[in-house]
Amino acid sequence: MRDLRDQAEALRRAAAALEPGPDERRRLATAVVEHAEGFLEALETGPAYWTPGDGAAMRGLDLGPEGRSIDELLALVTTEVERQGVNPAHPRDFGWVPGGGLFASALGDYLAAVSNTFAGYSPACPGAARTEHRMVRWIADLVGYPESAGGVLTSGGSVAILTAILAARDARGVASAEIPALVVYATEELHYAAAKALHIVGLREASWRTVPVDARRRMVPDELRRLVVEDRRKGLTPWLVLSTAGTVNSGAIDPLEAIGVIARAEGLWHHVDAAYGGFYMLVETFRPRFRGIEQSDSVVLDPHKSLFVPYGAGAVVVRDAAHLDALRFRAPYLVESETADPSPSEQSIELTKHFRGLRMLFPLFLHGTAPFAAALEEKVVLTRYLHERIDALDGFETGPPPELSTMCFRRRPSGSSEEEADRATLDLQDAIHADGHVFVTGSWLNDHFWLRPCVEVFRTHATHIDALIDTLERLTGASG
């Protein structure tokens, strides 16, 4: 027995580096904080996009038995992570749907990691479960859902919509034999995560109807109604309509109220993808654009988009939390107390859950909601400003006036054909990426290529919009 104790003590000493003392913790933490400060202070002067290297240093990194210095590690992070590709914290990042990553959220993540708090099982860490429930309730209130609503925080919109579709499937009581008769309705603007989720939950054989859109890329309710009527006449089973509050391509918001009326009349589950646009409801004057979202059956919002928290934060909320029982499973080693708060794992595909609640709680608690509303309204104003500036440039074409913080434009020199405009716009995107001062991505709309800057980083202000215009003028020789 003594030999085993001596052996354990020898192994403890060999593993002592895993338990740094207070002085070593402060030294390491100070190095990381100073590195982070240097990173943040250099944002304005550095590029928004670094041309990626070959990654040889990271792929060939030797992780041997002996540790190395924090300085060497941070140097590796600088060259092989931070200076590779887009800088998602940068105020001149207009690619995809950026967010920026709030500093207060990073502090919450730090405490969540240091404490190693387990957010999946309420009896183990009730505070983490209550924090998640409070964040979900705050989102439910923002949407306008009743007290019956419930949901969970997820890694992002993909897992969130997967959760919603699982709830919709079991609420309908879908049997495998019924799947070929089920019909799903959405526009071509819907995020592809929905199709992936249907595939994952075993509904790939359901029929998919693409509902036409109007000139502003919004679902046309009369077309939805027509398709539903036609499908019933064919003996099919209309089941799910997927609308969007803030499309990735253009920021369009579908007419949620009219869609909801049809969904309720026809017995369809109405899911709203508000991953990008949902938090714009914090701006009181924008709320009418989302009218009808409160009548939907489920909704997805991504805090890592328009709430600006770091990547890895989504949320799904269901109007009737009982529908999340589709995800409730029990194990003999996980005993729920009658008095305990519900465990997030009972309403989620995850048992092991990162404590995501703190990355939301910290900024909302420290700053309140007013700065978020102001920042989001600013982004919409800036996007309108950007639309006007580009519309005035020679040799450019703009899409519809922006509804949120995304707009579309393309390079179209005078007299050019549609195909020539596509090529010119693709070439411009390549030139922007090679230049690196700003970062913009594009998309194919109506079979033609457009650039679609999204003004979503909380650090982005008017000077950064001017920088984008200056870059376009410099790279193309255009003037306005």
Protein backbone atom coordinates (compact mmCIF):
# COMPACT_ATOMS: atom_id res chain seq x y z
CA MET A 1 0.00 0.00 0.00
CA ARG A 2 2.85 2.35 0.88
CA ASP A 3 4.47 1.63 -2.48
CA LEU A 4 1.31 2.77 -4.26
CA ARG A 5 1.21 5.99 -2.26
CA ASP A 6 4.85 6.71 -3.05
CA GLN A 7 4.19 5.99 -6.72
CA ALA A 8 1.22 8.38 -6.72
CA GLU A 9 3.35 11.09 -5.07
CA ALA A 10 6.07 10.72 -7.70
CA LEU A 11 3.48 11.03 -10.45
CA ARG A 12 1.94 14.08 -8.75
CA ARG A 13 5.31 15.83 -8.83
CA ALA A 14 5.77 14.90 -12.50
CA ALA A 15 2.37 16.43 -13.31
CA ALA A 16 2.82 19.54 -11.12
CA ALA A 17 2.96 21.88 -14.13
CA LEU A 18 -0.79 21.32 -14.56
CA GLU A 19 -1.39 23.03 -11.19
CA PRO A 20 0.49 26.34 -11.39
CA GLY A 21 0.66 28.34 -8.18
CA PRO A 22 -0.62 31.89 -7.78
CA ASP A 23 2.58 33.57 -8.98
CA GLU A 24 2.77 31.41 -12.10
CA ARG A 25 -0.94 31.91 -12.80
CA ARG A 26 -0.50 35.67 -12.61
CA ARG A 27 2.56 35.52 -14.86
CA LEU A 28 0.75 33.49 -17.52
CA ALA A 29 -2.44 35.53 -17.26
CA THR A 30 -0.49 38.79 -17.51
CA ALA A 31 1.25 37.59 -20.66
CA VAL A 32 -2.06 36.65 -22.26
CA VAL A 33 -3.77 39.91 -21.24
CA GLU A 34 -0.88 41.96 -22.59
CA HIS A 35 -1.00 40.00 -25.83
CA ALA A 36 -4.75 40.57 -26.09
CA GLU A 37 -4.31 44.29 -25.47
CA GLY A 38 -1.68 44.48 -28.17
CA PHE A 39 -4.01 42.66 -30.55
CA LEU A 40 -6.89 45.05 -29.83
CA GLU A 41 -4.75 48.19 -29.99
CA ALA A 42 -3.41 47.18 -33.42
CA LEU A 43 -6.83 46.61 -35.00
CA GLU A 44 -7.14 50.04 -36.63
CA THR A 45 -3.67 50.01 -38.17
CA GLY A 46 -3.57 46.35 -39.21
CA PRO A 47 -5.29 44.72 -42.18
CA ALA A 48 -8.76 43.23 -42.00
CA TYR A 49 -7.56 40.29 -44.07
CA TRP A 50 -4.19 38.54 -44.10
CA THR A 51 -3.37 36.44 -47.13
CA PRO A 52 -3.11 32.94 -45.62
CA GLY A 53 0.25 31.20 -45.54
CA ASP A 54 0.80 27.50 -46.07
CA GLY A 55 0.22 26.64 -42.39
CA ALA A 56 3.35 24.52 -42.25
CA ALA A 57 4.35 25.78 -38.80
CA MET A 58 1.05 24.70 -37.25
CA ARG A 59 0.70 21.44 -39.14
CA GLY A 60 4.25 20.46 -38.27
CA LEU A 61 4.12 21.68 -34.67
CA ASP A 62 5.97 19.34 -32.33
CA LEU A 63 4.01 18.60 -29.15
CA GLY A 64 6.56 16.62 -27.20
CA PRO A 65 6.94 15.62 -23.56
CA GLU A 66 8.56 18.91 -22.50
CA GLY A 67 6.70 22.20 -22.22
CA ARG A 68 7.79 25.46 -23.82
CA SER A 69 7.44 29.14 -22.95
CA ILE A 70 4.32 31.29 -23.06
CA ASP A 71 6.20 33.81 -25.20
CA GLU A 72 6.89 31.16 -27.84
CA LEU A 73 3.26 30.07 -27.75
CA LEU A 74 1.89 33.60 -28.16
CA ALA A 75 4.28 34.23 -31.04
CA LEU A 76 2.88 31.11 -32.71
CA VAL A 77 -0.69 32.33 -32.15
CA THR A 78 0.21 35.68 -33.72
CA THR A 79 1.71 34.28 -36.90
CA GLU A 80 -0.31 31.09 -37.37
CA VAL A 81 -3.75 32.13 -36.12
CA GLU A 82 -4.26 35.89 -35.88
CA ARG A 83 -2.43 36.70 -39.12
CA GLN A 84 -4.07 34.05 -41.26
CA GLY A 85 -7.15 35.04 -43.24
CA VAL A 86 -9.88 37.34 -41.98
CA ASN A 87 -9.62 39.16 -38.65
CA PRO A 88 -13.18 38.75 -37.29
CA ALA A 89 -12.61 41.37 -34.58
CA HIS A 90 -11.67 44.06 -37.10
CA PRO A 91 -13.88 47.12 -37.65
CA ARG A 92 -13.28 46.84 -41.40
CA ASP A 93 -14.52 43.24 -41.55
CA PHE A 94 -17.68 43.26 -43.67
CA GLY A 95 -17.60 39.59 -44.64
CA TRP A 96 -20.41 37.07 -44.15
CA VAL A 97 -22.15 38.08 -40.86
CA PRO A 98 -19.45 39.26 -38.44
CA GLY A 99 -19.96 40.25 -34.83
CA GLY A 100 -16.67 41.36 -33.37
CA GLY A 101 -16.48 39.55 -30.04
CA LEU A 102 -17.22 41.70 -26.98
CA PHE A 103 -14.45 42.08 -24.40
CA ALA A 104 -16.94 41.59 -21.55
CA SER A 105 -17.96 38.25 -23.07
CA ALA A 106 -14.33 37.15 -23.14
CA LEU A 107 -14.15 37.82 -19.40
CA GLY A 108 -17.24 35.68 -18.86
CA ASP A 109 -15.70 32.90 -20.95
CA TYR A 110 -12.53 33.11 -18.88
CA LEU A 111 -14.43 32.56 -15.63
CA ALA A 112 -16.51 29.78 -17.19
CA ALA A 113 -13.31 28.00 -18.22
CA VAL A 114 -11.41 28.60 -14.97
CA SER A 115 -14.31 27.36 -12.86
CA ASN A 116 -14.99 24.53 -15.34
CA THR A 117 -18.69 24.95 -14.60
CA PHE A 118 -20.87 22.24 -16.13
CA ALA A 119 -23.97 23.79 -17.68
CA GLY A 120 -25.80 20.64 -18.78
CA TYR A 121 -27.07 19.15 -15.53
CA SER A 122 -28.92 21.34 -13.05
CA PRO A 123 -28.30 19.27 -9.86
CA ALA A 124 -24.55 19.50 -10.49
CA CYS A 125 -24.30 23.24 -11.19
CA PRO A 126 -27.70 24.86 -10.65
CA GLY A 127 -26.28 28.36 -11.06
CA ALA A 128 -25.17 27.60 -14.61
CA ALA A 129 -28.57 26.13 -15.49
CA ARG A 130 -30.36 29.14 -14.01
CA THR A 131 -28.10 31.51 -15.92
CA GLU A 132 -28.90 29.75 -19.18
CA HIS A 133 -32.63 29.72 -18.40
CA ARG A 134 -32.49 33.46 -17.62
CA MET A 135 -30.77 34.24 -20.92
CA VAL A 136 -33.32 32.13 -22.80
CA ARG A 137 -36.19 33.85 -20.99
CA TRP A 138 -34.74 37.25 -21.90
CA ILE A 139 -34.70 36.21 -25.57
CA ALA A 140 -38.24 34.81 -25.29
CA ASP A 141 -39.43 38.14 -23.88
CA LEU A 142 -37.69 39.99 -26.70
CA VAL A 143 -39.50 37.80 -29.24
CA GLY A 144 -42.81 38.24 -27.40
CA TYR A 145 -43.38 34.60 -26.50
CA PRO A 146 -45.64 33.62 -23.57
CA GLU A 147 -44.47 32.15 -20.27
CA SER A 148 -44.90 28.68 -21.74
CA ALA A 149 -41.83 29.21 -23.93
CA GLY A 150 -38.52 27.50 -23.34
CA GLY A 151 -35.26 26.82 -25.07
CA VAL A 152 -31.52 26.40 -24.82
CA LEU A 153 -28.29 28.08 -25.76
CA THR A 154 -26.38 26.27 -28.49
CA SER A 155 -23.10 26.47 -30.35
CA GLY A 156 -24.79 28.43 -33.13
CA GLY A 157 -27.67 28.57 -35.56
CA SER A 158 -27.03 25.15 -37.09
CA VAL A 159 -27.58 23.27 -33.83
CA ALA A 160 -30.38 25.66 -32.89
CA ILE A 161 -32.42 24.98 -36.03
CA LEU A 162 -31.70 21.26 -35.71
CA THR A 163 -33.25 21.44 -32.24
CA ALA A 164 -36.28 23.34 -33.54
CA ILE A 165 -36.89 20.84 -36.34
CA LEU A 166 -36.66 17.94 -33.89
CA ALA A 167 -39.33 19.66 -31.80
CA ALA A 168 -41.49 20.28 -34.88
CA ARG A 169 -41.11 16.68 -36.05
CA ASP A 170 -42.21 15.18 -32.74
CA ALA A 171 -44.96 17.76 -32.21
CA ARG A 172 -46.45 16.51 -35.47
CA GLY A 173 -45.83 12.89 -34.43
CA VAL A 174 -44.16 12.14 -37.74
CA ALA A 175 -43.89 8.43 -38.49
CA SER A 176 -41.32 7.14 -40.95
CA ALA A 177 -43.99 6.05 -43.42
CA GLU A 178 -45.35 9.61 -43.55
CA ILE A 179 -42.09 11.31 -44.45
CA PRO A 180 -42.42 11.18 -48.27
CA ALA A 181 -45.78 12.97 -48.01
CA LEU A 182 -44.50 15.79 -45.79
CA VAL A 183 -43.90 19.18 -47.38
CA VAL A 184 -41.52 21.92 -46.22
CA TYR A 185 -41.85 25.50 -47.51
CA ALA A 186 -39.07 28.08 -47.70
CA THR A 187 -37.52 30.59 -50.08
CA GLU A 188 -34.18 30.24 -51.82
CA GLU A 189 -32.89 32.80 -49.31
CA LEU A 190 -33.18 30.40 -46.36
CA HIS A 191 -29.87 29.46 -44.73
CA TYR A 192 -28.61 26.06 -45.83
CA ALA A 193 -28.41 24.89 -42.20
CA ALA A 194 -32.14 24.11 -42.41
CA ALA A 195 -31.66 21.62 -45.24
CA LYS A 196 -28.78 20.05 -43.35
CA ALA A 197 -30.92 19.76 -40.21
CA LEU A 198 -33.74 18.04 -42.11
CA HIS A 199 -31.20 15.58 -43.48
CA ILE A 200 -29.76 14.87 -40.02
CA VAL A 201 -33.16 14.19 -38.42
CA GLY A 202 -34.09 11.72 -41.14
CA LEU A 203 -36.43 13.90 -43.17
CA ARG A 204 -34.43 14.04 -46.38
CA GLU A 205 -37.30 12.38 -48.27
CA ALA A 206 -39.76 15.13 -47.38
CA SER A 207 -40.72 17.37 -50.29
CA TRP A 208 -39.23 20.85 -50.47
CA ARG A 209 -41.17 23.74 -52.01
CA THR A 210 -39.31 26.91 -52.93
CA VAL A 211 -41.67 29.82 -52.36
CA PRO A 212 -41.14 32.75 -54.76
CA VAL A 213 -39.77 36.04 -53.42
CA ASP A 214 -40.55 39.65 -54.27
CA ALA A 215 -38.11 42.25 -55.60
CA ARG A 216 -36.65 42.67 -52.10
CA ARG A 217 -36.03 38.94 -51.70
CA ARG A 218 -38.91 38.40 -49.24
CA MET A 219 -41.31 35.46 -49.24
CA VAL A 220 -44.59 36.17 -51.05
CA PRO A 221 -47.40 34.95 -48.73
CA ASP A 222 -49.92 34.47 -51.55
CA GLU A 223 -47.45 32.14 -53.27
CA LEU A 224 -47.05 30.18 -50.04
CA ARG A 225 -50.82 29.80 -49.76
CA ARG A 226 -51.05 28.70 -53.39
CA LEU A 227 -48.40 26.01 -52.92
CA VAL A 228 -50.03 24.70 -49.75
CA VAL A 229 -53.42 24.43 -51.46
CA GLU A 230 -51.87 22.65 -54.45
CA ASP A 231 -50.06 20.17 -52.22
CA ARG A 232 -53.20 19.33 -50.25
CA ARG A 233 -54.98 18.74 -53.54
CA LYS A 234 -52.22 16.28 -54.44
CA GLY A 235 -52.77 14.37 -51.20
CA LEU A 236 -49.56 15.62 -49.59
CA THR A 237 -49.17 16.88 -46.01
CA PRO A 238 -48.01 20.49 -45.63
CA TRP A 239 -46.03 20.49 -42.40
CA LEU A 240 -43.37 23.16 -41.94
CA VAL A 241 -42.81 26.71 -43.17
CA LEU A 242 -39.37 28.23 -42.63
CA SER A 243 -39.26 32.02 -42.79
CA THR A 244 -36.32 34.34 -42.26
CA ALA A 245 -35.91 37.55 -40.29
CA GLY A 246 -32.69 38.83 -41.80
CA THR A 247 -31.45 36.83 -44.77
CA VAL A 248 -27.72 36.30 -45.15
CA ASN A 249 -27.67 37.55 -48.73
CA SER A 250 -29.46 40.84 -48.30
CA GLY A 251 -30.83 41.21 -44.76
CA ALA A 252 -34.42 40.84 -45.97
CA ILE A 253 -37.18 40.17 -43.43
CA ASP A 254 -40.02 37.96 -44.61
CA PRO A 255 -43.60 39.15 -43.89
CA LEU A 256 -43.82 37.12 -40.70
CA GLU A 257 -47.34 38.12 -39.71
CA ALA A 258 -48.91 37.12 -43.03
CA ILE A 259 -46.92 33.88 -43.11
CA GLY A 260 -48.03 33.12 -39.57
CA VAL A 261 -51.69 33.60 -40.46
CA ILE A 262 -51.36 31.03 -43.24
CA ALA A 263 -49.40 28.65 -41.02
CA ARG A 264 -52.05 28.69 -38.30
CA ALA A 265 -54.92 28.34 -40.76
CA GLU A 266 -53.25 25.38 -42.48
CA GLY A 267 -51.83 23.69 -39.38
CA LEU A 268 -48.18 24.27 -40.33
CA TRP A 269 -45.36 24.64 -37.83
CA HIS A 270 -43.89 28.12 -38.39
CA HIS A 271 -40.18 28.44 -37.66
CA VAL A 272 -38.41 31.80 -37.94
CA ASP A 273 -34.70 31.95 -38.65
CA ALA A 274 -33.79 35.20 -36.89
CA ALA A 275 -30.18 34.14 -36.30
CA TYR A 276 -28.90 37.33 -37.90
CA GLY A 277 -31.76 39.78 -37.56
CA GLY A 278 -33.46 38.89 -34.30
CA PHE A 279 -31.60 41.14 -31.89
CA TYR A 280 -32.47 44.17 -34.02
CA MET A 281 -35.77 43.99 -32.14
CA LEU A 282 -33.85 45.75 -29.35
CA VAL A 283 -34.29 48.90 -31.45
CA GLU A 284 -37.82 50.00 -30.65
CA THR A 285 -38.42 51.64 -34.02
CA PHE A 286 -37.42 48.42 -35.81
CA ARG A 287 -39.84 46.15 -33.94
CA PRO A 288 -42.75 46.63 -36.38
CA ARG A 289 -40.63 44.96 -39.09
CA PHE A 290 -40.74 41.76 -37.02
CA ARG A 291 -44.48 41.84 -36.34
CA GLY A 292 -45.80 38.29 -36.22
CA ILE A 293 -42.63 36.69 -34.89
CA GLU A 294 -44.37 36.38 -31.52
CA GLN A 295 -46.93 34.03 -33.11
CA SER A 296 -44.35 31.63 -34.53
CA ASP A 297 -43.81 28.16 -33.09
CA SER A 298 -40.04 28.39 -32.82
CA VAL A 299 -37.28 30.87 -33.44
CA VAL A 300 -33.49 30.92 -33.66
CA LEU A 301 -31.30 33.88 -32.71
CA ASP A 302 -27.49 33.94 -32.70
CA PRO A 303 -25.93 36.06 -29.94
CA HIS A 304 -22.62 35.72 -31.80
CA LYS A 305 -24.10 37.78 -34.63
CA SER A 306 -26.10 40.87 -33.74
CA LEU A 307 -25.46 40.66 -30.00
CA PHE A 308 -21.73 40.74 -30.80
CA VAL A 309 -20.62 37.98 -28.39
CA PRO A 310 -17.76 35.66 -29.48
CA TYR A 311 -18.39 32.80 -31.87
CA GLY A 312 -20.07 29.72 -30.46
CA ALA A 313 -23.33 31.21 -29.15
CA GLY A 314 -26.73 30.42 -30.64
CA ALA A 315 -30.17 30.12 -29.12
CA VAL A 316 -33.38 28.29 -29.94
CA VAL A 317 -36.68 29.17 -28.28
CA VAL A 318 -39.92 27.22 -28.73
CA ARG A 319 -43.28 28.84 -28.02
CA ASP A 320 -44.37 25.79 -26.01
CA ALA A 321 -41.44 24.31 -24.09
CA ALA A 322 -43.27 20.98 -23.84
CA HIS A 323 -42.33 20.36 -27.47
CA LEU A 324 -38.70 20.12 -26.38
CA ASP A 325 -39.59 16.89 -24.58
CA ALA A 326 -38.51 15.32 -27.87
CA LEU A 327 -34.98 15.70 -26.50
CA ARG A 328 -35.68 14.42 -22.98
CA PHE A 329 -33.84 11.22 -22.12
CA ARG A 330 -32.90 9.83 -18.72
CA ALA A 331 -29.96 7.86 -17.39
CA PRO A 332 -29.75 5.96 -14.09
CA TYR A 333 -26.73 8.01 -13.02
CA LEU A 334 -28.50 11.35 -13.66
CA VAL A 335 -31.31 11.72 -11.15
CA GLU A 336 -33.42 14.86 -11.41
CA SER A 337 -34.67 16.38 -8.17
CA GLU A 338 -38.31 17.43 -8.01
CA THR A 339 -37.21 20.84 -6.74
CA ALA A 340 -34.30 21.36 -9.14
CA ASP A 341 -34.39 23.74 -12.06
CA PRO A 342 -34.78 21.89 -15.36
CA SER A 343 -31.50 20.68 -16.78
CA PRO A 344 -30.59 22.30 -20.11
CA SER A 345 -29.47 18.88 -21.34
CA GLU A 346 -33.11 17.71 -21.17
CA GLN A 347 -34.03 20.25 -23.85
CA SER A 348 -30.88 19.93 -25.94
CA ILE A 349 -28.99 17.45 -28.10
CA GLU A 350 -26.04 18.09 -25.77
CA LEU A 351 -25.40 16.61 -22.36
CA THR A 352 -21.98 18.17 -22.00
CA LYS A 353 -22.70 21.87 -22.40
CA HIS A 354 -20.26 24.75 -22.36
CA PHE A 355 -21.32 27.44 -19.87
CA ARG A 356 -22.40 29.83 -22.63
CA GLY A 357 -24.67 31.83 -20.36
CA LEU A 358 -21.81 33.90 -18.93
CA ARG A 359 -20.73 35.22 -22.32
CA MET A 360 -24.21 36.74 -22.63
CA LEU A 361 -24.73 37.69 -19.00
CA PHE A 362 -21.48 39.66 -18.63
CA PRO A 363 -22.11 42.27 -21.36
CA LEU A 364 -25.85 42.54 -20.68
CA PHE A 365 -25.27 42.99 -16.95
CA LEU A 366 -22.29 45.35 -17.26
CA HIS A 367 -23.57 47.50 -20.12
CA GLY A 368 -27.35 47.12 -20.12
CA THR A 369 -29.37 46.81 -23.31
CA ALA A 370 -29.31 50.49 -24.33
CA PRO A 371 -25.79 50.43 -25.88
CA PHE A 372 -26.75 47.36 -27.91
CA ALA A 373 -29.83 49.10 -29.30
CA ALA A 374 -27.76 52.17 -30.17
CA ALA A 375 -25.04 50.09 -31.83
CA LEU A 376 -27.54 48.11 -33.90
CA GLU A 377 -29.35 51.24 -35.04
CA GLU A 378 -25.97 52.75 -35.95
CA LYS A 379 -25.17 49.72 -38.12
CA VAL A 380 -28.41 50.13 -40.08
CA VAL A 381 -27.73 53.85 -40.56
CA LEU A 382 -24.18 53.08 -41.70
CA THR A 383 -25.46 50.51 -44.18
CA ARG A 384 -27.84 53.05 -45.68
CA TYR A 385 -24.92 55.49 -45.88
CA LEU A 386 -22.81 52.83 -47.61
CA HIS A 387 -25.64 52.11 -50.06
CA GLU A 388 -25.88 55.81 -50.95
CA ARG A 389 -22.11 56.18 -51.34
CA ILE A 390 -21.77 53.17 -53.64
CA ASP A 391 -24.87 54.14 -55.60
CA ALA A 392 -23.11 57.41 -56.44
CA LEU A 393 -19.94 55.69 -57.74
CA ASP A 394 -19.36 55.42 -61.47
CA GLY A 395 -19.47 51.87 -62.78
CA PHE A 396 -21.29 50.34 -59.80
CA GLU A 397 -24.79 48.92 -59.39
CA THR A 398 -26.59 48.58 -56.06
CA GLY A 399 -29.32 46.20 -54.96
CA PRO A 400 -32.50 47.14 -53.06
CA PRO A 401 -32.26 49.65 -50.19
CA PRO A 402 -31.06 47.78 -47.09
CA GLU A 403 -33.55 46.59 -44.50
CA LEU A 404 -30.96 45.76 -41.85
CA SER A 405 -27.17 45.96 -41.98
CA THR A 406 -26.48 44.11 -45.25
CA MET A 407 -26.54 45.59 -48.74
CA CYS A 408 -25.58 44.30 -52.18
CA PHE A 409 -23.59 45.89 -54.97
CA ARG A 410 -21.57 44.87 -57.97
CA ARG A 411 -19.07 46.28 -60.38
CA ARG A 412 -20.78 47.09 -63.67
CA PRO A 413 -18.82 49.36 -65.98
CA SER A 414 -20.88 51.26 -68.53
CA GLY A 415 -21.99 49.08 -71.42
CA SER A 416 -20.99 45.79 -69.79
CA SER A 417 -23.13 42.67 -70.11
CA GLU A 418 -24.46 40.66 -67.17
CA GLU A 419 -21.67 38.12 -67.60
CA GLU A 420 -19.03 40.85 -67.82
CA ALA A 421 -20.44 42.40 -64.64
CA ASP A 422 -20.16 39.03 -62.88
CA ARG A 423 -16.53 38.71 -63.94
CA ALA A 424 -15.73 42.28 -62.93
CA THR A 425 -17.31 41.75 -59.51
CA LEU A 426 -15.47 38.47 -58.93
CA ASP A 427 -12.22 40.18 -59.92
CA LEU A 428 -12.99 43.04 -57.54
CA GLN A 429 -13.54 40.59 -54.69
CA ASP A 430 -10.16 39.01 -55.43
CA ALA A 431 -8.53 42.44 -55.50
CA ILE A 432 -10.12 43.40 -52.17
CA HIS A 433 -8.83 40.22 -50.55
CA ALA A 434 -5.34 40.67 -51.99
CA ASP A 435 -5.30 44.26 -50.74
CA GLY A 436 -6.49 43.28 -47.24
CA HIS A 437 -7.37 46.75 -45.96
CA VAL A 438 -11.07 45.83 -45.84
CA PHE A 439 -12.77 42.45 -46.10
CA VAL A 440 -15.95 41.83 -48.09
CA THR A 441 -17.54 38.62 -49.34
CA GLY A 442 -20.01 38.01 -52.14
CA SER A 443 -22.87 35.75 -53.13
CA TRP A 444 -24.81 34.63 -56.20
CA LEU A 445 -28.25 36.26 -56.47
CA ASN A 446 -30.53 35.50 -59.42
CA ASP A 447 -27.59 33.72 -61.05
CA HIS A 448 -25.36 36.79 -60.86
CA PHE A 449 -22.52 37.62 -58.50
CA TRP A 450 -22.85 40.48 -56.03
CA LEU A 451 -20.70 41.71 -53.18
CA ARG A 452 -22.70 41.95 -49.95
CA PRO A 453 -20.97 43.86 -47.17
CA CYS A 454 -22.52 43.27 -43.76
CA VAL A 455 -21.98 46.13 -41.31
CA GLU A 456 -22.19 44.12 -38.11
CA VAL A 457 -19.00 44.50 -36.05
CA PHE A 458 -19.75 46.71 -33.06
CA ARG A 459 -16.44 48.54 -33.62
CA THR A 460 -17.45 49.60 -37.15
CA HIS A 461 -18.23 53.31 -37.51
CA ALA A 462 -18.53 55.91 -40.28
CA THR A 463 -14.76 56.19 -40.77
CA HIS A 464 -14.64 52.48 -41.62
CA ILE A 465 -17.41 52.85 -44.20
CA ASP A 466 -15.38 55.66 -45.73
CA ALA A 467 -12.38 53.31 -45.77
CA LEU A 468 -14.41 50.77 -47.75
CA ILE A 469 -15.42 53.44 -50.27
CA ASP A 470 -11.82 54.66 -50.52
CA THR A 471 -10.70 51.08 -51.20
CA LEU A 472 -13.28 50.63 -53.97
CA GLU A 473 -12.22 53.89 -55.58
CA ARG A 474 -8.53 53.03 -55.29
CA LEU A 475 -8.89 49.53 -56.72
CA THR A 476 -11.22 50.46 -59.60
CA GLY A 477 -10.46 54.10 -60.36
CA ALA A 478 -14.14 54.91 -59.85
CA SER A 479 -15.29 58.25 -58.51
CA GLY A 480 -18.52 59.53 -57.10
